[in-house]
Amino acid sequence: MNVIHALIYGIVEGITEFLPVSSTGHLILTARLLHASQTEFLKTFEVVIQLGAILSVVALYGKTLLKSREVWKRILVAFVPTACIGALLYKVIKRVFLASDDIVLWSLLIGGIILIVFELLHREKPRAAEALTAISFKQAVIIGLFQSLAVIPGVSRAAATIVGGLCVGLKRKTIVEFSFLLAIPTMLAAAVLDLTKTAGTFTVEQAGFLATGFVVSFVVAIAAIRGLTAFIKKHNFIPFGIYRIAVALVFWWLVK
């Protein structure tokens, strides 16, 4: 890895973390295009730079988080299923899931099809929950279970939580914002778990690459969040489903 690679990874992470396209999947495919080996450091790098994107949520939604304990309760309840499954499958995720391009590509393809079909069939109910505090704890648990599917790279944490939220009766804007906030404990826990196991192995140069990716992903993610928030006011997620399918097919054609 070099500084240019760290910049590219940071940009990819910042753009894709909150879109329903899988940031982890895109980072893995980016590494393949850059001919970078999936070393233990790169796997950790791909997890840790997501903290930069998460910090952008804190920067944009800090007031919401500070003002409402009720919102935090729902975030933490939704986080529990993912935390349990992530901890149980940690070794499988690192050694199998994150090392397989095929898993990423199939997840992108199938996930894209599901996203398109779901949007064509879904009809938002007039009484759909609009306020974050209107999300019930039962709904939060279900959303958390959907998010757990994202331990498979290519599924997309954002896509899974958004579809889960729409399924349980939330308004589109509400579940998108909840997905942003739910990313905070989810990705923080993933990064801390990884760092406790690998931090002592980093060189000074590698720490610099991490810092570069972190800062770039933070800046780019702020723009991505604002862009997605504006996008969903007039559009659904079908374009993202089409994009996922296109990426999978093009990558198979170019690389396989």
Protein backbone atom coordinates (compact mmCIF):
# COMPACT_ATOMS: atom_id res chain seq x y z
CA MET A 1 0.00 0.00 0.00
CA ASN A 2 1.03 3.60 -0.58
CA VAL A 3 -0.46 7.03 0.11
CA ILE A 4 -2.32 7.12 -3.23
CA HIS A 5 -3.95 3.81 -2.41
CA ALA A 6 -4.93 5.09 1.04
CA LEU A 7 -6.55 8.15 -0.59
CA ILE A 8 -8.47 5.98 -3.06
CA TYR A 9 -9.71 3.66 -0.30
CA GLY A 10 -10.78 6.68 1.78
CA ILE A 11 -12.78 8.13 -1.12
CA VAL A 12 -14.45 4.79 -1.88
CA GLU A 13 -15.31 4.27 1.79
CA GLY A 14 -16.68 7.78 2.23
CA ILE A 15 -18.93 7.52 -0.83
CA THR A 16 -20.24 4.01 -0.24
CA GLU A 17 -20.58 3.60 3.56
CA PHE A 18 -24.10 5.01 3.77
CA LEU A 19 -25.35 4.08 0.32
CA PRO A 20 -27.08 0.69 -0.17
CA VAL A 21 -24.18 -0.64 -2.24
CA SER A 22 -21.80 -2.17 0.36
CA SER A 23 -18.73 -0.21 1.34
CA THR A 24 -16.87 -3.35 2.43
CA GLY A 25 -17.63 -5.00 -0.88
CA HIS A 26 -16.39 -1.95 -2.78
CA LEU A 27 -13.19 -1.82 -0.73
CA ILE A 28 -12.48 -5.48 -1.47
CA LEU A 29 -13.09 -4.94 -5.20
CA THR A 30 -10.97 -1.78 -5.11
CA ALA A 31 -8.12 -3.78 -3.60
CA ARG A 32 -8.48 -6.29 -6.43
CA LEU A 33 -8.32 -3.54 -9.07
CA LEU A 34 -5.25 -2.07 -7.38
CA HIS A 35 -3.69 -5.55 -7.29
CA ALA A 36 -3.38 -5.34 -3.52
CA SER A 37 -3.15 -8.58 -1.60
CA GLN A 38 -5.74 -9.15 1.13
CA THR A 39 -3.18 -9.03 3.95
CA GLU A 40 -4.19 -8.85 7.61
CA PHE A 41 -3.27 -5.15 7.60
CA LEU A 42 -5.47 -4.40 4.57
CA LYS A 43 -8.41 -6.26 6.13
CA THR A 44 -7.97 -4.18 9.29
CA PHE A 45 -7.49 -1.01 7.24
CA GLU A 46 -10.80 -1.62 5.44
CA VAL A 47 -12.58 -1.85 8.80
CA VAL A 48 -10.83 0.99 10.62
CA ILE A 49 -11.20 3.69 7.95
CA GLN A 50 -14.94 3.25 8.31
CA LEU A 51 -14.53 5.13 11.60
CA GLY A 52 -13.87 8.26 9.54
CA ALA A 53 -17.24 7.85 7.86
CA ILE A 54 -18.87 7.19 11.23
CA LEU A 55 -17.37 10.39 12.63
CA SER A 56 -19.20 12.27 9.86
CA VAL A 57 -22.49 11.02 11.32
CA VAL A 58 -21.49 12.33 14.74
CA ALA A 59 -20.60 15.67 13.17
CA LEU A 60 -23.93 15.96 11.34
CA TYR A 61 -26.27 14.37 13.89
CA GLY A 62 -24.50 15.21 17.14
CA LYS A 63 -27.35 17.36 18.42
CA THR A 64 -29.88 14.58 17.86
CA LEU A 65 -27.70 12.13 19.75
CA LEU A 66 -27.10 14.47 22.66
CA LYS A 67 -30.71 15.53 23.05
CA SER A 68 -32.52 12.19 22.98
CA ARG A 69 -31.86 9.22 25.22
CA GLU A 70 -34.84 7.51 23.62
CA VAL A 71 -33.11 7.52 20.24
CA TRP A 72 -29.97 6.05 21.83
CA LYS A 73 -32.01 3.28 23.45
CA ARG A 74 -33.38 2.24 20.07
CA ILE A 75 -29.95 2.40 18.45
CA LEU A 76 -28.44 0.17 21.13
CA VAL A 77 -31.32 -2.33 20.96
CA ALA A 78 -30.89 -2.59 17.19
CA PHE A 79 -27.14 -2.98 17.63
CA VAL A 80 -27.33 -6.05 19.89
CA PRO A 81 -28.15 -8.70 17.22
CA THR A 82 -25.29 -7.54 14.98
CA ALA A 83 -22.86 -7.39 17.92
CA CYS A 84 -23.65 -10.98 18.92
CA ILE A 85 -23.47 -12.40 15.40
CA GLY A 86 -20.36 -10.37 14.53
CA ALA A 87 -18.52 -11.58 17.63
CA LEU A 88 -19.48 -15.21 17.02
CA LEU A 89 -18.45 -15.14 13.36
CA TYR A 90 -15.39 -12.88 13.67
CA LYS A 91 -12.86 -15.49 12.48
CA VAL A 92 -15.11 -16.64 9.62
CA ILE A 93 -15.67 -13.04 8.51
CA LYS A 94 -11.93 -12.26 8.50
CA ARG A 95 -10.64 -15.52 7.02
CA VAL A 96 -13.43 -16.50 4.64
CA PHE A 97 -15.89 -13.70 3.84
CA LEU A 98 -13.37 -10.87 3.44
CA ALA A 99 -11.08 -13.03 1.34
CA SER A 100 -13.62 -13.97 -1.32
CA ASP A 101 -14.37 -11.85 -4.39
CA ASP A 102 -17.09 -14.32 -5.39
CA ILE A 103 -19.02 -13.76 -2.16
CA VAL A 104 -18.89 -10.00 -2.75
CA LEU A 105 -20.00 -10.23 -6.37
CA TRP A 106 -22.85 -12.66 -5.74
CA SER A 107 -24.01 -10.55 -2.79
CA LEU A 108 -23.96 -7.39 -4.91
CA LEU A 109 -25.87 -9.10 -7.73
CA ILE A 110 -28.51 -10.84 -5.62
CA GLY A 111 -28.83 -7.83 -3.32
CA GLY A 112 -29.38 -5.57 -6.33
CA ILE A 113 -32.17 -7.78 -7.65
CA ILE A 114 -33.81 -7.95 -4.23
CA LEU A 115 -33.60 -4.16 -3.85
CA ILE A 116 -35.30 -3.58 -7.20
CA VAL A 117 -38.05 -6.15 -6.60
CA PHE A 118 -38.63 -4.81 -3.10
CA GLU A 119 -39.01 -1.24 -4.29
CA LEU A 120 -41.43 -2.29 -7.05
CA LEU A 121 -43.63 -4.09 -4.51
CA HIS A 122 -43.26 -1.81 -1.48
CA ARG A 123 -45.94 0.73 -0.66
CA GLU A 124 -45.36 3.09 2.24
CA LYS A 125 -48.26 3.11 4.66
CA PRO A 126 -49.87 6.45 5.59
CA ARG A 127 -49.25 5.69 9.27
CA ALA A 128 -45.61 4.78 8.81
CA ALA A 129 -43.48 5.91 11.76
CA GLU A 130 -41.87 9.28 11.06
CA ALA A 131 -40.05 10.25 14.25
CA LEU A 132 -37.00 8.29 15.39
CA THR A 133 -38.54 8.02 18.84
CA ALA A 134 -41.66 6.43 17.29
CA ILE A 135 -39.61 3.35 16.39
CA SER A 136 -40.69 0.57 18.74
CA PHE A 137 -38.14 -1.67 20.45
CA LYS A 138 -39.56 -4.62 18.52
CA GLN A 139 -38.97 -2.77 15.26
CA ALA A 140 -35.45 -1.91 16.41
CA VAL A 141 -34.65 -5.57 17.06
CA ILE A 142 -35.94 -6.58 13.62
CA ILE A 143 -33.88 -3.83 11.97
CA GLY A 144 -30.85 -5.11 13.90
CA LEU A 145 -31.45 -8.64 12.63
CA PHE A 146 -31.60 -7.33 9.07
CA GLN A 147 -28.36 -5.44 9.66
CA SER A 148 -26.73 -8.68 10.79
CA LEU A 149 -26.93 -9.93 7.21
CA ALA A 150 -24.25 -7.38 6.36
CA VAL A 151 -21.53 -9.51 7.99
CA ILE A 152 -21.47 -10.96 4.47
CA PRO A 153 -19.47 -8.46 2.37
CA GLY A 154 -21.47 -7.18 -0.57
CA VAL A 155 -24.81 -7.33 1.23
CA SER A 156 -24.53 -3.71 2.48
CA ARG A 157 -25.30 -2.68 6.03
CA ALA A 158 -27.22 0.36 4.76
CA ALA A 159 -29.31 -1.68 2.31
CA ALA A 160 -30.15 -4.32 4.91
CA THR A 161 -31.21 -1.83 7.58
CA ILE A 162 -33.18 0.32 5.13
CA VAL A 163 -35.10 -2.65 3.72
CA GLY A 164 -35.67 -3.92 7.25
CA GLY A 165 -36.98 -0.55 8.39
CA LEU A 166 -39.32 -0.22 5.41
CA CYS A 167 -40.60 -3.76 6.04
CA VAL A 168 -41.56 -2.94 9.64
CA GLY A 169 -43.38 0.26 8.66
CA LEU A 170 -41.00 3.20 8.88
CA LYS A 171 -40.94 6.15 6.52
CA ARG A 172 -38.06 6.21 4.08
CA LYS A 173 -36.44 9.32 5.56
CA THR A 174 -36.76 7.89 9.07
CA ILE A 175 -35.05 4.58 8.40
CA VAL A 176 -32.30 6.23 6.37
CA GLU A 177 -31.48 8.52 9.31
CA PHE A 178 -31.74 5.60 11.74
CA SER A 179 -29.36 3.65 9.51
CA PHE A 180 -26.87 6.51 9.71
CA LEU A 181 -27.05 6.53 13.51
CA LEU A 182 -27.00 2.74 13.88
CA ALA A 183 -23.69 2.74 12.02
CA ILE A 184 -22.01 4.46 14.98
CA PRO A 185 -21.99 1.58 17.53
CA THR A 186 -21.88 -1.07 14.80
CA MET A 187 -18.74 0.13 13.04
CA LEU A 188 -17.12 1.40 16.24
CA ALA A 189 -17.45 -2.07 17.78
CA ALA A 190 -16.10 -3.74 14.62
CA ALA A 191 -13.09 -1.41 14.52
CA VAL A 192 -12.30 -1.73 18.24
CA LEU A 193 -12.56 -5.53 18.09
CA ASP A 194 -10.20 -5.60 15.14
CA LEU A 195 -7.73 -3.11 16.63
CA THR A 196 -7.48 -4.99 19.93
CA LYS A 197 -6.25 -7.98 17.96
CA THR A 198 -3.99 -6.25 15.41
CA ALA A 199 -2.96 -2.75 16.56
CA GLY A 200 0.37 -3.90 17.97
CA THR A 201 1.48 -5.17 14.57
CA PHE A 202 1.26 -1.84 12.71
CA THR A 203 4.36 -0.02 11.52
CA VAL A 204 4.59 3.78 11.67
CA GLU A 205 4.06 3.90 7.90
CA GLN A 206 0.93 1.75 8.15
CA ALA A 207 -0.44 3.98 10.91
CA GLY A 208 0.01 6.91 8.52
CA PHE A 209 -1.98 5.10 5.84
CA LEU A 210 -4.76 4.49 8.37
CA ALA A 211 -4.80 8.18 9.33
CA THR A 212 -4.96 9.23 5.66
CA GLY A 213 -7.85 6.89 4.87
CA PHE A 214 -9.65 7.97 8.04
CA VAL A 215 -9.52 11.71 7.25
CA VAL A 216 -10.47 11.31 3.59
CA SER A 217 -13.42 9.02 4.36
CA PHE A 218 -14.67 11.53 6.96
CA VAL A 219 -14.72 14.44 4.52
CA VAL A 220 -16.22 12.47 1.62
CA ALA A 221 -18.85 10.79 3.83
CA ILE A 222 -20.27 14.14 4.91
CA ALA A 223 -20.99 14.96 1.27
CA ALA A 224 -22.40 11.47 0.66
CA ILE A 225 -24.81 11.71 3.61
CA ARG A 226 -26.10 15.07 2.47
CA GLY A 227 -26.45 13.79 -1.07
CA LEU A 228 -28.40 10.67 -0.04
CA THR A 229 -30.69 12.68 2.24
CA ALA A 230 -31.57 14.95 -0.67
CA PHE A 231 -31.89 12.02 -3.11
CA ILE A 232 -34.49 10.07 -1.12
CA LYS A 233 -36.89 13.02 -1.04
CA LYS A 234 -37.70 12.42 -4.71
CA HIS A 235 -36.39 8.95 -5.58
CA ASN A 236 -36.44 5.33 -4.46
CA PHE A 237 -33.51 2.88 -4.30
CA ILE A 238 -34.00 1.17 -7.67
CA PRO A 239 -31.04 3.07 -9.22
CA PHE A 240 -28.80 1.59 -6.53
CA GLY A 241 -30.12 -1.90 -7.30
CA ILE A 242 -29.29 -1.41 -10.98
CA TYR A 243 -25.85 -0.09 -10.04
CA ARG A 244 -25.13 -3.14 -7.85
CA ILE A 245 -26.03 -5.53 -10.66
CA ALA A 246 -23.94 -3.56 -13.16
CA VAL A 247 -20.87 -3.53 -10.88
CA ALA A 248 -21.09 -7.29 -10.33
CA LEU A 249 -21.46 -8.07 -14.05
CA VAL A 250 -18.77 -5.63 -15.19
CA PHE A 251 -16.32 -6.86 -12.58
CA TRP A 252 -16.92 -10.47 -13.60
CA TRP A 253 -16.33 -9.50 -17.23
CA LEU A 254 -13.16 -7.49 -16.54
CA VAL A 255 -11.45 -9.62 -13.94
CA LYS A 256 -12.80 -13.13 -13.98
